[in-house]
Amino acid sequence: MPAVPSPGPLHDGPVRTTATERAARVRFRRALSLMVMTLVVPGSAQLTAGNRRVGLIAVRIWLGVLAVGLVTLLALLVHPGLAFTMAFSPALLLLVRLLLIAAAIGWALLFMDAWRIGQPLSLGLAHRRAVVGVNGILCFSVMGTLLFGAHLAGVHRDLIFALSGDGTASGATDGRYNVLLMGGDSGAGRWGLRPDSMTVASIDAETGRTVLIGLPRNMANFPFERGSIMHEQFPEGFDCDGCYLNGVSTWAEDNTELFPGSKHPGADATVMAVEGITGLEVNYWAMVNLQGFKDLVDAVGGVTLTVRSPIPVGGLGDDVTGYIDPGTRKLDGFETLWYARAREGSDDYSRMARQKCVMAAMLEQISPQSAVRNFESIASASADMISTSLPVSEFDTFMSLALKARSQKVSTLSLVPPLVNTADPDIRKVQAKVTEALDRAEGNAPPRSGSAAPKKPAGEAPVTGGSIGSLSEGYAANQAEDLGAAC
């Protein structure tokens, strides 16, 4: 009987090749799975196929982070204001930064270990390259994201220290915070010497309802707050030759020996003047560097304003280099700055009205979302923009009030003609008008009668220097129940 050939050689080759390929695919999928597991639950790869002790530590840390995040989220849902307290805590920001850096390093090490556990040398060349590529993408993506978060936490912390002042925290007076906002030129040697504009923002401590009280820089013959250093020097008021409100800061800076221990005698003296004029207790002051303001507007992508008539750019007379054309559109930082500052063809009081419109637009249009999107640019601009007496402990309070104010009407009262004679102001009348404006904002006074603002609709009212109204009748944005509507 003839021998029957063995079937082995006919089948052994193909079977061995298929098994090898299947094993290679299994090893490849296992290597990828270990990396995905590390992405979803750091330490799970080690817990499954590596050093279980390392895996347990990593998984416990990950679960602890999730638990802390969940508890924090629930706390924020119950107490939304806690977000501002956390966001403006330098100690917490430092802790977050350090934890993010540690997490970035630890997670990267776990990815590298997951790659090792996947036994890359046992893979084919194509699979090995794919595993290296996937691991690299996941590792650097996660690490880069965490390190960028740490960078932002550091930038935010540095910004808080750059913006914070050395003032003492003070509570609301009669339910309101009063903050003096001053605008100053940023030229060499001029920081804070002669404020270009002065406005008291009186903010309801509960609702955020804000009244902007504008003070003209050319006000003269005004008193200082009784008992203050400036009142001792000028008991009859600031009645010297050529002495105006914007010169108080310069006078104080020239007589710093009268303000022992003060780092900002010019601002402190100006506060004494504003308190004497308005009868309000000023809690804090902030000096806005106009160059920094321009950069801030650019950082948020511009501000939409209604230009009523051509606004000159560049200065007075022959210094004018161009115009901002009429229309409602988004202006960049340079254009917004000149919209607020232009004096050619207008007067100080129409300019004050335009400045109020810029304040209203910034308050309404800079949302938390745009602030987050442009955070680093805003931080860079803001650090050069503001000098203030507001201590870091009060940042969360005022950020919360700012968000509330966005949904409220903003009222204005400007102490300018025809309401007030700036050369010889009737201080009793001024303080009565201030009290009336605040009462009206709180709903405790009847609507304004005999207002200096134009009575005609915006489309029919005269426009002077880019502002609705005239010097003789008053400007709408200077005396408004709803500043947004007046602009």
Protein backbone atom coordinates (compact mmCIF):
# COMPACT_ATOMS: atom_id res chain seq x y z
CA MET A 1 0.00 0.00 0.00
CA PRO A 2 1.53 3.29 -1.10
CA ALA A 3 2.45 5.84 1.59
CA VAL A 4 0.04 8.67 2.17
CA PRO A 5 1.76 12.08 2.02
CA SER A 6 1.66 14.06 5.24
CA PRO A 7 -0.71 17.03 5.09
CA GLY A 8 1.55 19.05 7.40
CA PRO A 9 3.66 20.88 4.86
CA LEU A 10 0.56 21.94 2.94
CA HIS A 11 -0.96 23.78 5.94
CA ASP A 12 1.78 24.58 8.49
CA GLY A 13 3.10 27.67 6.64
CA PRO A 14 -0.20 29.55 6.19
CA VAL A 15 -1.42 28.71 9.70
CA ARG A 16 1.78 30.01 11.31
CA THR A 17 1.59 33.26 9.29
CA THR A 18 -2.05 33.96 10.25
CA ALA A 19 -1.41 33.28 13.92
CA THR A 20 1.56 35.68 13.91
CA GLU A 21 -0.46 38.42 12.31
CA ARG A 22 -3.31 37.93 14.75
CA ALA A 23 -0.92 38.02 17.69
CA ALA A 24 0.67 41.22 16.34
CA ARG A 25 -2.74 42.86 16.02
CA VAL A 26 -3.65 41.81 19.56
CA ARG A 27 -0.40 43.28 20.93
CA PHE A 28 -1.00 46.49 18.94
CA ARG A 29 -4.56 46.85 20.22
CA ARG A 30 -3.36 46.15 23.76
CA ALA A 31 -0.71 48.85 23.51
CA LEU A 32 -3.26 51.38 22.21
CA SER A 33 -5.76 50.36 24.89
CA LEU A 34 -3.22 50.97 27.65
CA MET A 35 -2.67 54.51 26.36
CA VAL A 36 -6.40 55.23 26.07
CA MET A 37 -6.90 53.87 29.58
CA THR A 38 -4.17 56.25 30.81
CA LEU A 39 -5.95 59.14 29.08
CA VAL A 40 -9.35 58.34 30.60
CA VAL A 41 -8.26 57.13 34.05
CA PRO A 42 -4.60 57.84 34.84
CA GLY A 43 -3.05 54.79 36.53
CA SER A 44 -5.53 52.25 35.17
CA ALA A 45 -2.93 50.85 32.75
CA GLN A 46 -0.52 50.23 35.60
CA LEU A 47 -3.30 48.78 37.74
CA THR A 48 -4.16 46.33 34.94
CA ALA A 49 -0.79 45.30 33.53
CA GLY A 50 1.99 47.11 35.36
CA ASN A 51 3.03 48.24 38.80
CA ARG A 52 -0.19 47.96 40.80
CA ARG A 53 1.13 50.17 43.61
CA VAL A 54 1.79 53.02 41.21
CA GLY A 55 -1.57 52.41 39.55
CA LEU A 56 -3.43 52.51 42.87
CA ILE A 57 -1.81 55.79 43.86
CA ALA A 58 -2.59 57.40 40.48
CA VAL A 59 -6.20 56.16 40.39
CA ARG A 60 -6.83 57.36 43.94
CA ILE A 61 -5.43 60.77 43.10
CA TRP A 62 -7.62 60.90 39.97
CA LEU A 63 -10.74 59.95 41.93
CA GLY A 64 -9.84 62.53 44.57
CA VAL A 65 -9.54 65.22 41.90
CA LEU A 66 -12.94 64.25 40.46
CA ALA A 67 -14.48 64.34 43.95
CA VAL A 68 -13.01 67.77 44.69
CA GLY A 69 -14.22 69.02 41.30
CA LEU A 70 -17.74 67.70 41.91
CA VAL A 71 -17.92 69.22 45.39
CA THR A 72 -16.62 72.54 44.05
CA LEU A 73 -19.20 72.52 41.25
CA LEU A 74 -22.03 71.87 43.70
CA ALA A 75 -20.74 74.63 45.98
CA LEU A 76 -20.65 77.07 43.04
CA LEU A 77 -24.21 76.15 42.08
CA VAL A 78 -25.35 76.93 45.63
CA HIS A 79 -23.12 79.99 46.11
CA PRO A 80 -22.17 81.47 42.70
CA GLY A 81 -20.23 84.29 44.36
CA LEU A 82 -17.72 81.71 45.58
CA ALA A 83 -16.29 81.62 42.05
CA PHE A 84 -14.95 85.16 42.42
CA THR A 85 -13.55 84.44 45.87
CA MET A 86 -11.66 81.47 44.44
CA ALA A 87 -10.59 83.28 41.28
CA PHE A 88 -9.04 86.16 43.23
CA SER A 89 -7.30 84.18 45.95
CA PRO A 90 -3.52 84.39 45.30
CA ALA A 91 -2.87 81.45 47.64
CA LEU A 92 -5.40 79.23 45.86
CA LEU A 93 -4.08 80.26 42.44
CA LEU A 94 -0.54 79.35 43.51
CA LEU A 95 -1.76 75.97 44.75
CA VAL A 96 -3.64 75.34 41.50
CA ARG A 97 -0.58 76.27 39.47
CA LEU A 98 1.69 73.90 41.38
CA LEU A 99 -0.87 71.09 41.19
CA LEU A 100 -1.28 71.54 37.43
CA ILE A 101 2.49 71.39 36.92
CA ALA A 102 2.72 68.26 39.09
CA ALA A 103 -0.23 66.70 37.23
CA ALA A 104 1.39 67.44 33.86
CA ILE A 105 4.64 65.73 34.87
CA GLY A 106 2.93 62.78 36.57
CA TRP A 107 0.51 62.16 33.72
CA ALA A 108 3.34 62.31 31.16
CA LEU A 109 5.27 59.71 33.16
CA LEU A 110 2.19 57.47 33.25
CA PHE A 111 1.88 57.70 29.44
CA MET A 112 5.55 56.76 29.05
CA ASP A 113 5.08 53.82 31.42
CA ALA A 114 1.94 52.71 29.54
CA TRP A 115 4.00 52.74 26.34
CA ARG A 116 6.63 50.56 28.06
CA ILE A 117 3.99 48.14 29.37
CA GLY A 118 2.70 47.80 25.80
CA GLN A 119 6.04 46.17 24.86
CA PRO A 120 6.75 48.27 21.77
CA LEU A 121 9.80 46.16 20.79
CA SER A 122 7.52 43.17 20.26
CA LEU A 123 5.53 45.05 17.64
CA GLY A 124 6.13 45.25 13.93
CA LEU A 125 7.78 48.39 12.57
CA ALA A 126 4.51 49.93 11.30
CA HIS A 127 2.67 49.22 14.55
CA ARG A 128 5.63 50.46 16.59
CA ARG A 129 5.64 53.78 14.73
CA ALA A 130 1.89 54.14 15.18
CA VAL A 131 2.12 53.47 18.91
CA VAL A 132 4.95 55.98 19.31
CA GLY A 133 2.95 58.58 17.37
CA VAL A 134 -0.27 58.04 19.34
CA ASN A 135 1.56 58.05 22.65
CA GLY A 136 3.42 61.23 21.72
CA ILE A 137 0.22 63.03 20.67
CA LEU A 138 -1.66 62.02 23.83
CA CYS A 139 1.28 62.74 26.12
CA PHE A 140 2.12 66.17 24.73
CA SER A 141 -1.55 67.18 24.35
CA VAL A 142 -2.36 66.41 27.96
CA MET A 143 0.90 67.81 29.29
CA GLY A 144 0.66 70.93 27.12
CA THR A 145 -2.92 71.62 28.21
CA LEU A 146 -2.07 71.28 31.89
CA LEU A 147 1.07 73.41 31.62
CA PHE A 148 -0.85 76.09 29.71
CA GLY A 149 -3.44 76.07 32.49
CA ALA A 150 -0.63 76.48 35.01
CA HIS A 151 0.72 79.37 32.95
CA LEU A 152 -2.69 81.11 32.93
CA ALA A 153 -3.03 80.62 36.68
CA GLY A 154 0.37 82.25 37.11
CA VAL A 155 -0.53 85.15 34.79
CA HIS A 156 -3.80 85.69 36.65
CA ARG A 157 -2.02 85.65 40.01
CA ASP A 158 0.60 88.13 38.80
CA LEU A 159 -2.19 90.35 37.43
CA ILE A 160 -3.94 90.39 40.80
CA PHE A 161 -0.77 91.56 42.51
CA ALA A 162 -0.13 94.13 39.75
CA LEU A 163 -3.64 95.58 40.03
CA SER A 164 -4.11 95.41 43.78
CA GLY A 165 -3.65 98.55 45.82
CA ASP A 166 -2.47 99.23 49.32
CA GLY A 167 -5.74 100.68 50.54
CA THR A 168 -7.69 99.40 53.52
CA ALA A 169 -10.86 97.42 52.90
CA SER A 170 -13.94 99.46 53.73
CA GLY A 171 -17.62 98.63 53.84
CA ALA A 172 -20.42 100.24 51.88
CA THR A 173 -21.69 103.61 53.07
CA ASP A 174 -25.49 103.88 53.17
CA GLY A 175 -25.63 100.71 51.09
CA ARG A 176 -23.32 101.99 48.31
CA TYR A 177 -19.69 101.73 47.31
CA ASN A 178 -18.24 104.93 45.88
CA VAL A 179 -15.21 104.54 43.62
CA LEU A 180 -13.40 107.52 42.10
CA LEU A 181 -12.30 106.74 38.54
CA MET A 182 -9.62 109.00 37.07
CA GLY A 183 -8.08 109.01 33.61
CA GLY A 184 -4.50 110.18 33.26
CA ASP A 185 -1.94 110.56 30.50
CA SER A 186 0.86 108.02 30.35
CA GLY A 187 3.63 110.29 29.13
CA ALA A 188 6.96 110.31 30.94
CA GLY A 189 6.70 112.05 34.29
CA ARG A 190 2.98 112.63 33.96
CA TRP A 191 1.47 109.53 35.53
CA GLY A 192 -1.30 110.67 37.85
CA LEU A 193 -0.21 114.32 37.89
CA ARG A 194 -3.21 115.91 36.17
CA PRO A 195 -6.23 113.61 35.85
CA ASP A 196 -7.82 114.12 32.47
CA SER A 197 -11.24 112.96 33.66
CA MET A 198 -12.89 112.23 37.01
CA THR A 199 -16.02 110.18 37.65
CA VAL A 200 -17.44 108.74 40.85
CA ALA A 201 -19.06 105.35 40.26
CA SER A 202 -21.61 104.95 43.05
CA ILE A 203 -22.60 101.28 43.14
CA ASP A 204 -25.46 99.71 45.07
CA ALA A 205 -23.86 97.05 47.28
CA GLU A 206 -26.74 94.61 46.71
CA THR A 207 -27.95 95.09 43.15
CA GLY A 208 -24.96 96.66 41.40
CA ARG A 209 -27.17 99.56 40.19
CA THR A 210 -24.66 102.26 39.27
CA VAL A 211 -24.77 106.03 39.07
CA LEU A 212 -21.86 107.77 37.33
CA ILE A 213 -21.21 111.22 38.79
CA GLY A 214 -18.97 113.23 36.49
CA LEU A 215 -16.80 116.06 37.79
CA PRO A 216 -15.34 118.59 35.34
CA ARG A 217 -11.61 119.07 35.47
CA ASN A 218 -12.02 122.86 35.36
CA MET A 219 -14.18 123.16 38.50
CA ALA A 220 -12.87 125.91 40.80
CA ASN A 221 -13.66 127.41 44.22
CA PHE A 222 -14.73 124.12 45.75
CA PRO A 223 -14.29 122.92 49.35
CA PHE A 224 -12.36 119.91 50.61
CA GLU A 225 -13.68 117.30 53.01
CA ARG A 226 -13.74 118.77 56.52
CA GLY A 227 -10.94 117.53 58.74
CA SER A 228 -8.77 116.50 55.77
CA ILE A 229 -5.21 117.68 55.15
CA MET A 230 -6.34 119.70 52.12
CA HIS A 231 -9.10 121.37 54.13
CA GLU A 232 -6.50 122.49 56.64
CA GLN A 233 -4.48 124.05 53.82
CA PHE A 234 -7.51 125.57 52.05
CA PRO A 235 -10.20 126.16 54.69
CA GLU A 236 -12.05 128.53 52.35
CA GLY A 237 -11.86 126.18 49.40
CA PHE A 238 -9.49 125.74 46.47
CA ASP A 239 -9.72 129.40 45.46
CA CYS A 240 -6.16 130.21 44.46
CA ASP A 241 -5.39 131.74 41.07
CA GLY A 242 -5.60 129.10 38.31
CA CYS A 243 -6.53 126.36 40.78
CA TYR A 244 -8.86 123.79 39.26
CA LEU A 245 -9.96 120.31 40.27
CA ASN A 246 -7.46 118.58 37.98
CA GLY A 247 -4.67 120.64 39.59
CA VAL A 248 -5.26 119.27 43.10
CA SER A 249 -3.14 116.21 42.34
CA THR A 250 -0.26 118.35 41.08
CA TRP A 251 -0.40 120.58 44.17
CA ALA A 252 -0.27 117.56 46.46
CA GLU A 253 2.62 115.97 44.55
CA ASP A 254 4.53 119.25 45.00
CA ASN A 255 3.84 119.20 48.75
CA THR A 256 4.32 115.56 49.67
CA GLU A 257 5.59 116.46 53.15
CA LEU A 258 1.95 117.16 54.07
CA PHE A 259 1.04 113.52 53.33
CA PRO A 260 3.38 111.46 55.51
CA GLY A 261 3.19 107.75 54.75
CA SER A 262 1.09 108.23 51.62
CA LYS A 263 2.31 106.52 48.44
CA HIS A 264 -0.21 108.42 46.31
CA PRO A 265 -0.60 111.96 47.70
CA GLY A 266 -2.04 113.25 44.41
CA ALA A 267 -4.82 110.67 44.35
CA ASP A 268 -5.47 111.05 48.09
CA ALA A 269 -5.80 114.83 47.75
CA THR A 270 -8.16 114.46 44.79
CA VAL A 271 -10.34 112.13 46.87
CA MET A 272 -10.52 114.83 49.57
CA ALA A 273 -11.70 117.31 46.93
CA VAL A 274 -14.31 114.95 45.48
CA GLU A 275 -15.67 114.16 48.93
CA GLY A 276 -15.93 117.88 49.70
CA ILE A 277 -17.79 118.55 46.44
CA THR A 278 -20.20 115.62 46.37
CA GLY A 279 -20.69 114.93 50.08
CA LEU A 280 -19.99 111.24 49.37
CA GLU A 281 -17.48 109.07 51.21
CA VAL A 282 -15.12 107.63 48.59
CA ASN A 283 -14.21 104.02 49.37
CA TYR A 284 -11.54 103.52 46.72
CA TRP A 285 -9.93 105.24 43.77
CA ALA A 286 -8.52 103.97 40.47
CA MET A 287 -6.30 105.83 38.01
CA VAL A 288 -6.63 104.60 34.44
CA ASN A 289 -3.59 104.98 32.21
CA LEU A 290 -5.03 106.00 28.84
CA GLN A 291 -2.40 104.12 26.84
CA GLY A 292 -3.24 100.97 28.81
CA PHE A 293 -6.92 101.64 28.14
CA LYS A 294 -6.26 101.64 24.39
CA ASP A 295 -4.49 98.29 24.69
CA LEU A 296 -7.38 96.90 26.75
CA VAL A 297 -9.92 97.81 24.06
CA ASP A 298 -7.74 96.08 21.47
CA ALA A 299 -7.41 93.04 23.75
CA VAL A 300 -11.20 92.53 23.85
CA GLY A 301 -11.55 93.02 20.11
CA GLY A 302 -12.88 96.59 20.08
CA VAL A 303 -15.98 98.37 21.34
CA THR A 304 -19.15 99.15 19.39
CA LEU A 305 -20.10 102.84 19.65
CA THR A 306 -22.40 105.22 17.82
CA VAL A 307 -20.41 108.10 16.32
CA ARG A 308 -22.89 110.98 15.91
CA SER A 309 -20.58 113.33 13.96
CA PRO A 310 -16.98 113.16 12.69
CA ILE A 311 -14.58 112.86 15.65
CA PRO A 312 -11.17 114.49 15.09
CA VAL A 313 -8.05 112.45 15.77
CA GLY A 314 -4.67 113.82 16.81
CA GLY A 315 -5.26 116.91 18.93
CA LEU A 316 -6.26 120.51 18.31
CA GLY A 317 -6.08 122.64 15.16
CA ASP A 318 -3.22 121.65 12.87
CA ASP A 319 -2.53 118.59 15.02
CA VAL A 320 -5.67 116.88 13.72
CA THR A 321 -4.56 114.00 11.49
CA GLY A 322 -7.92 112.53 10.53
CA TYR A 323 -11.48 111.80 11.62
CA ILE A 324 -13.56 108.92 12.88
CA ASP A 325 -16.50 108.75 10.48
CA PRO A 326 -20.12 108.78 11.75
CA GLY A 327 -22.01 105.53 12.17
CA THR A 328 -22.54 102.68 14.59
CA ARG A 329 -19.65 100.26 14.38
CA LYS A 330 -16.84 98.61 16.29
CA LEU A 331 -13.90 100.89 17.07
CA ASP A 332 -10.41 99.69 17.90
CA GLY A 333 -8.40 100.93 20.87
CA PHE A 334 -6.90 103.92 19.06
CA GLU A 335 -10.28 105.07 17.73
CA THR A 336 -12.04 104.51 21.06
CA LEU A 337 -9.39 106.53 22.87
CA TRP A 338 -9.86 109.48 20.53
CA TYR A 339 -13.64 109.13 20.65
CA ALA A 340 -13.34 109.68 24.41
CA ARG A 341 -10.59 112.33 24.35
CA ALA A 342 -11.17 114.51 21.26
CA ARG A 343 -11.56 118.22 22.04
CA GLU A 344 -11.33 119.83 18.60
CA GLY A 345 -14.75 121.18 17.62
CA SER A 346 -16.29 120.38 21.01
CA ASP A 347 -16.07 121.35 24.67
CA ASP A 348 -15.07 119.59 27.87
CA TYR A 349 -18.68 118.75 28.68
CA SER A 350 -19.50 117.06 25.37
CA ARG A 351 -16.29 115.11 25.81
CA MET A 352 -17.43 114.06 29.27
CA ALA A 353 -20.65 112.79 27.68
CA ARG A 354 -18.70 110.71 25.18
CA GLN A 355 -16.58 109.27 27.98
CA LYS A 356 -19.73 108.15 29.78
CA CYS A 357 -20.83 106.38 26.57
CA VAL A 358 -17.50 104.53 26.41
CA MET A 359 -17.93 103.42 30.05
CA ALA A 360 -21.43 102.13 29.34
CA ALA A 361 -20.31 100.28 26.21
CA MET A 362 -17.39 98.62 28.01
CA LEU A 363 -19.61 97.52 30.88
CA GLU A 364 -22.22 96.07 28.55
CA GLN A 365 -20.01 94.50 25.90
CA ILE A 366 -17.10 92.92 27.82
CA SER A 367 -18.68 89.62 28.82
CA PRO A 368 -17.12 86.87 30.95
CA GLN A 369 -16.87 84.77 27.77
CA SER A 370 -14.85 87.40 25.89
CA ALA A 371 -12.70 87.94 28.98
CA VAL A 372 -11.84 84.23 29.07
CA ARG A 373 -11.14 84.09 25.32
CA ASN A 374 -8.78 87.07 25.49
CA PHE A 375 -7.52 86.56 29.02
CA GLU A 376 -3.79 86.78 28.40
CA SER A 377 -4.07 89.91 26.24
CA ILE A 378 -6.40 91.53 28.77
CA ALA A 379 -4.01 90.66 31.59
CA SER A 380 -1.08 92.21 29.72
CA ALA A 381 -3.02 95.41 28.99
CA SER A 382 -4.59 95.67 32.45
CA ALA A 383 -1.29 95.41 34.29
CA ASP A 384 -0.20 98.64 32.56
CA MET A 385 -3.62 100.28 32.76
CA ILE A 386 -4.62 100.76 36.39
CA SER A 387 -3.22 102.09 39.63
CA THR A 388 -5.69 101.71 42.47
CA SER A 389 -6.25 101.69 46.21
CA LEU A 390 -8.55 98.64 45.99
CA PRO A 391 -7.04 95.81 48.08
CA VAL A 392 -6.95 92.29 46.73
CA SER A 393 -9.45 91.14 49.34
CA GLU A 394 -12.17 93.24 47.66
CA PHE A 395 -11.66 92.07 44.06
CA ASP A 396 -14.27 89.33 44.30
CA THR A 397 -16.87 91.77 45.68
CA PHE A 398 -16.44 94.22 42.82
CA MET A 399 -16.31 91.56 40.12
CA SER A 400 -19.62 90.23 41.40
CA LEU A 401 -21.08 93.75 41.41
CA ALA A 402 -19.80 94.36 37.88
CA LEU A 403 -21.68 91.31 36.57
CA LYS A 404 -24.83 92.47 38.34
CA ALA A 405 -24.41 95.98 36.90
CA ARG A 406 -24.41 94.59 33.34
CA SER A 407 -28.11 93.79 33.64
CA GLN A 408 -29.00 97.15 35.22
CA LYS A 409 -29.51 100.61 33.80
CA VAL A 410 -26.63 103.02 34.41
CA SER A 411 -27.61 106.56 35.42
CA THR A 412 -25.45 109.66 35.07
CA LEU A 413 -25.21 113.02 36.79
CA SER A 414 -22.51 115.38 35.57
CA LEU A 415 -21.77 118.50 37.62
CA VAL A 416 -21.48 120.74 34.57
CA PRO A 417 -23.34 123.66 32.95
CA PRO A 418 -26.14 124.47 32.73
CA LEU A 419 -26.81 122.52 35.95
CA VAL A 420 -23.70 123.76 37.76
CA ASN A 421 -21.55 126.88 37.39
CA THR A 422 -18.11 125.28 37.40
CA ALA A 423 -16.34 128.57 38.15
CA ASP A 424 -18.33 129.15 41.33
CA PRO A 425 -20.34 126.01 42.17
CA ASP A 426 -23.22 126.06 44.63
CA ILE A 427 -22.03 123.12 46.76
CA ARG A 428 -25.32 122.74 48.61
CA LYS A 429 -27.13 122.42 45.31
CA VAL A 430 -24.49 120.01 44.01
CA GLN A 431 -24.80 117.72 47.01
CA ALA A 432 -28.59 117.88 46.87
CA LYS A 433 -28.48 116.82 43.20
CA VAL A 434 -26.12 113.96 44.04
CA THR A 435 -28.44 112.73 46.79
CA GLU A 436 -31.43 113.04 44.47
CA ALA A 437 -29.68 111.03 41.73
CA LEU A 438 -28.82 108.22 44.13
CA ASP A 439 -32.32 108.16 45.61
CA ARG A 440 -33.81 108.04 42.13
CA ALA A 441 -31.58 105.11 41.17
CA GLU A 442 -32.82 103.25 44.23
CA GLY A 443 -36.44 104.09 43.44
CA ASN A 444 -36.80 106.49 46.37
CA ALA A 445 -37.33 109.72 44.44
CA PRO A 446 -39.73 110.97 41.74
CA PRO A 447 -38.53 111.12 38.11
CA ARG A 448 -36.29 114.01 37.23
CA SER A 449 -38.11 117.22 36.35
CA GLY A 450 -36.58 120.20 34.65
CA SER A 451 -33.68 118.06 33.44
CA ALA A 452 -30.84 119.75 31.66
CA ALA A 453 -30.81 116.97 29.09
CA PRO A 454 -32.44 117.58 25.68
CA LYS A 455 -36.12 116.69 25.55
CA LYS A 456 -36.16 115.92 21.83
CA PRO A 457 -35.79 112.39 20.53
CA ALA A 458 -32.22 111.42 19.69
CA GLY A 459 -32.91 111.74 15.97
CA GLU A 460 -34.06 115.36 16.34
CA ALA A 461 -31.77 116.60 19.10
CA PRO A 462 -28.71 118.69 18.18
CA VAL A 463 -25.30 117.03 18.14
CA THR A 464 -22.29 118.96 19.41
CA GLY A 465 -18.78 117.54 19.35
CA GLY A 466 -20.14 114.07 18.77
CA SER A 467 -22.54 114.19 21.74
CA ILE A 468 -26.31 114.60 21.70
CA GLY A 469 -27.19 118.04 23.09
CA SER A 470 -25.51 121.41 23.39
CA LEU A 471 -23.58 123.46 25.92
CA SER A 472 -26.58 125.66 26.68
CA GLU A 473 -29.13 122.84 26.98
CA GLY A 474 -26.86 120.14 28.38
CA TYR A 475 -25.76 116.80 26.94
CA ALA A 476 -27.99 113.75 27.10
CA ALA A 477 -25.31 111.35 28.34
CA ASN A 478 -24.34 113.73 31.16
CA GLN A 479 -27.80 113.70 32.71
CA ALA A 480 -29.43 110.37 31.94
CA GLU A 481 -31.65 107.84 33.67
CA ASP A 482 -30.50 105.21 31.16
CA LEU A 483 -27.03 105.95 29.81
CA GLY A 484 -27.24 103.25 27.15
CA ALA A 485 -30.31 104.85 25.61
CA ALA A 486 -28.73 108.33 25.75
CA CYS A 487 -25.69 107.22 23.79
